């Protein structure tokens, strides 16, 4: 599929990364139905808006039972865990199986921008699980910018925060914990 004029493949990948990191940072427990809906219609929706929706026989979410608040917290926690595990696998062992799963599951599709650059976009399809949507964002970003995943990504050993920073990767700590490690090293 052809992206609209002025939308670069790398722009889509950057927005995918931003959206999935925003979802991970919702861990403080402040997300409810409204915040999830805002994420789905905002940061997630823009990169997923370019692919044509495809039906796969799963009933639309509007026909499902509403998600109780306690189940929403569980759903968000499960999704965050799956996303953090995917990031951790690629950071530790360059395991990129999530990208193959996204391709074979039909959660992403090929695209091209007006400069002829080939890439991927997430597919927004009724019935997709929240974790499938989040993993599709990671897959798009990885397939467009693999060097960031193979050379920069790290998951903090203290708080599990994902970083795309060479120093964080070396120390296996996010910015906050990297700074505190640096202070400790200076004091010693």
Protein backbone atom coordinates (compact mmCIF):
# COMPACT_ATOMS: atom_id res chain seq x y z
CA UNK A 1 0.00 0.00 0.00
CA UNK A 2 1.12 3.56 -0.68
CA UNK A 3 1.44 5.99 2.23
CA UNK A 4 0.00 9.49 1.71
CA UNK A 5 2.35 12.12 0.30
CA UNK A 6 4.59 13.58 2.98
CA UNK A 7 4.31 10.59 5.33
CA UNK A 8 7.63 8.76 5.50
CA UNK A 9 8.06 5.14 6.49
CA UNK A 10 10.38 6.31 9.28
CA UNK A 11 7.68 8.69 10.58
CA UNK A 12 5.30 5.75 10.95
CA UNK A 13 7.98 3.69 12.74
CA UNK A 14 8.77 6.55 15.12
CA UNK A 15 5.11 7.02 15.99
CA UNK A 16 4.76 3.26 16.54
CA UNK A 17 7.65 3.31 19.00
CA UNK A 18 6.26 6.36 20.77
CA UNK A 19 2.82 4.77 21.10
CA UNK A 20 4.08 1.47 22.49
CA UNK A 21 6.43 3.19 24.95
CA UNK A 22 3.51 5.36 26.10
CA UNK A 23 1.50 2.21 26.76
CA UNK A 24 4.38 0.79 28.81
CA UNK A 25 4.70 3.99 30.80
CA UNK A 26 1.06 3.70 31.84
CA UNK A 27 2.24 1.21 34.43
CA UNK A 28 1.65 3.59 37.31
CA UNK A 29 -1.94 2.37 37.37
CA UNK A 30 -3.52 5.66 36.37
CA UNK A 31 -5.00 4.28 33.15
CA UNK A 32 -8.69 3.54 33.06
CA UNK A 33 -11.10 3.03 30.19
CA UNK A 34 -10.90 6.67 29.15
CA UNK A 35 -7.09 6.69 28.97
CA UNK A 36 -7.03 3.43 27.01
CA UNK A 37 -9.66 4.79 24.61
CA UNK A 38 -7.59 7.97 24.16
CA UNK A 39 -4.51 5.87 23.41
CA UNK A 40 -6.40 3.72 20.89
CA UNK A 41 -7.88 6.74 19.11
CA UNK A 42 -4.73 8.88 19.34
CA UNK A 43 -1.16 7.54 19.46
CA UNK A 44 -2.14 4.05 18.26
CA UNK A 45 -4.65 5.17 15.65
CA UNK A 46 -2.41 7.41 13.56
CA UNK A 47 0.11 4.75 12.45
CA UNK A 48 -2.65 2.14 12.18
CA UNK A 49 -4.86 4.37 10.04
CA UNK A 50 -3.01 3.77 6.77
CA UNK A 51 -3.73 0.06 6.30
CA UNK A 52 -7.09 -1.03 5.02
CA UNK A 53 -9.04 -2.82 7.76
CA UNK A 54 -9.56 -6.51 7.09
CA UNK A 55 -12.18 -8.74 8.64
CA UNK A 56 -11.18 -12.16 9.95
CA UNK A 57 -14.46 -13.45 11.34
CA UNK A 58 -13.96 -12.31 14.93
CA UNK A 59 -17.02 -10.48 16.23
CA UNK A 60 -16.59 -6.72 16.59
CA UNK A 61 -15.70 -5.55 20.05
CA UNK A 62 -18.99 -3.64 20.19
CA UNK A 63 -20.79 -7.00 20.45
CA UNK A 64 -18.61 -8.18 23.32
CA UNK A 65 -19.32 -7.62 26.95
CA UNK A 66 -17.92 -4.39 28.43
CA UNK A 67 -14.60 -4.84 30.18
CA UNK A 68 -14.97 -4.50 33.96
CA UNK A 69 -12.51 -2.08 35.57
CA UNK A 70 -10.69 -4.87 37.42
CA UNK A 71 -10.35 -6.84 34.17
CA UNK A 72 -9.05 -3.71 32.41
CA UNK A 73 -6.19 -3.45 34.90
CA UNK A 74 -5.42 -7.13 34.33
CA UNK A 75 -5.60 -6.68 30.53
CA UNK A 76 -3.22 -3.72 30.64
CA UNK A 77 -0.82 -5.62 32.91
CA UNK A 78 -0.87 -8.67 30.61
CA UNK A 79 -0.25 -6.48 27.57
CA UNK A 80 2.61 -4.62 29.25
CA UNK A 81 4.17 -7.94 30.29
CA UNK A 82 3.99 -9.30 26.72
CA UNK A 83 5.47 -6.09 25.31
CA UNK A 84 8.26 -5.94 27.91
CA UNK A 85 9.05 -9.61 27.26
CA UNK A 86 9.33 -8.94 23.52
CA UNK A 87 11.64 -5.99 24.15
CA UNK A 88 13.70 -8.02 26.65
CA UNK A 89 14.10 -10.95 24.22
CA UNK A 90 15.42 -8.74 21.46
CA UNK A 91 17.69 -6.83 23.87
CA UNK A 92 19.17 -10.00 25.38
CA UNK A 93 19.34 -12.37 22.45
CA UNK A 94 18.17 -10.58 19.31
CA UNK A 95 15.06 -12.79 19.32
CA UNK A 96 12.78 -11.09 16.81
CA UNK A 97 10.07 -13.75 16.67
CA UNK A 98 7.48 -11.08 17.51
CA UNK A 99 8.01 -9.56 14.06
CA UNK A 100 7.41 -12.88 12.31
CA UNK A 101 4.30 -13.45 14.41
CA UNK A 102 3.01 -9.98 13.45
CA UNK A 103 3.57 -10.66 9.76
CA UNK A 104 2.01 -14.12 9.81
CA UNK A 105 -0.87 -12.97 12.00
CA UNK A 106 -1.72 -10.20 9.54
CA UNK A 107 -1.17 -7.51 12.19
CA UNK A 108 1.15 -5.50 9.92
CA UNK A 109 1.35 -4.98 6.20
CA UNK A 110 3.88 -3.73 3.68
CA UNK A 111 3.86 -0.11 2.58
CA UNK A 112 5.88 2.39 0.59
CA UNK A 113 6.26 6.14 1.00
CA UNK A 114 6.39 8.79 -1.73
CA UNK A 115 10.22 8.55 -1.79
CA UNK A 116 10.02 4.85 -2.66
CA UNK A 117 11.15 3.66 0.78
CA UNK A 118 9.56 0.35 1.70
CA UNK A 119 8.34 -0.35 5.19
CA UNK A 120 5.45 -1.61 7.28
CA UNK A 121 2.30 -0.26 8.94
CA UNK A 122 0.22 -1.77 11.74
CA UNK A 123 -3.23 -3.02 10.82
CA UNK A 124 -6.19 -1.87 12.92
CA UNK A 125 -8.58 -4.80 12.69
CA UNK A 126 -11.68 -5.46 14.71
CA UNK A 127 -11.21 -8.24 17.21
CA UNK A 128 -7.47 -7.79 17.66
CA UNK A 129 -6.29 -8.21 21.23
CA UNK A 130 -4.62 -5.22 22.85
CA UNK A 131 -1.33 -7.14 23.04
CA UNK A 132 -1.50 -7.89 19.30
CA UNK A 133 -1.95 -4.19 18.62
CA UNK A 134 1.02 -3.31 20.83
CA UNK A 135 3.26 -6.02 19.37
CA UNK A 136 2.36 -4.84 15.86
CA UNK A 137 3.76 -1.41 16.78
CA UNK A 138 7.04 -2.97 17.92
CA UNK A 139 7.23 -5.12 14.78
CA UNK A 140 6.78 -2.11 12.48
CA UNK A 141 9.44 -0.13 14.33
CA UNK A 142 11.86 -3.06 14.39
CA UNK A 143 11.43 -3.92 10.70
CA UNK A 144 12.00 -0.30 9.66
CA UNK A 145 14.80 0.50 12.14
CA UNK A 146 16.47 -2.80 13.12
CA UNK A 147 19.75 -1.12 14.05
CA UNK A 148 18.09 0.56 17.04
CA UNK A 149 17.00 -2.83 18.34
CA UNK A 150 20.25 -4.63 17.64
CA UNK A 151 22.54 -1.86 18.92
CA UNK A 152 20.67 0.49 21.26
CA UNK A 153 17.78 -1.22 23.03
CA UNK A 154 18.00 -2.14 26.68
CA UNK A 155 15.63 -3.07 29.46
CA UNK A 156 16.53 -1.65 32.88
CA UNK A 157 17.33 -4.33 35.44
CA UNK A 158 15.85 -2.15 38.20
CA UNK A 159 12.51 -1.04 36.76
CA UNK A 160 12.12 -2.79 33.36
CA UNK A 161 11.95 0.55 31.51
CA UNK A 162 12.82 0.21 27.83
CA UNK A 163 15.50 2.58 26.48
CA UNK A 164 17.00 3.17 23.06
CA UNK A 165 20.28 4.66 24.27
CA UNK A 166 23.82 3.28 23.95
CA UNK A 167 24.82 4.20 27.54
CA UNK A 168 21.68 2.64 28.95
CA UNK A 169 22.46 -0.51 26.98
CA UNK A 170 26.02 -0.69 28.31
CA UNK A 171 24.88 -0.26 31.91
CA UNK A 172 21.59 -2.16 31.41
CA UNK A 173 19.83 0.63 33.25
CA UNK A 174 17.36 3.37 32.26
CA UNK A 175 18.34 7.04 32.48
CA UNK A 176 17.16 7.35 36.07
CA UNK A 177 19.02 4.29 37.29
CA UNK A 178 22.03 4.96 35.05
CA UNK A 179 22.45 8.36 36.74
CA UNK A 180 22.16 6.83 40.19
CA UNK A 181 24.76 4.20 39.22
CA UNK A 182 27.04 6.99 38.03
CA UNK A 183 26.67 8.84 41.34
CA UNK A 184 27.47 5.70 43.27
CA UNK A 185 30.58 5.16 41.15
CA UNK A 186 31.72 8.74 41.78
CA UNK A 187 31.20 8.46 45.55
CA UNK A 188 33.26 5.28 45.76
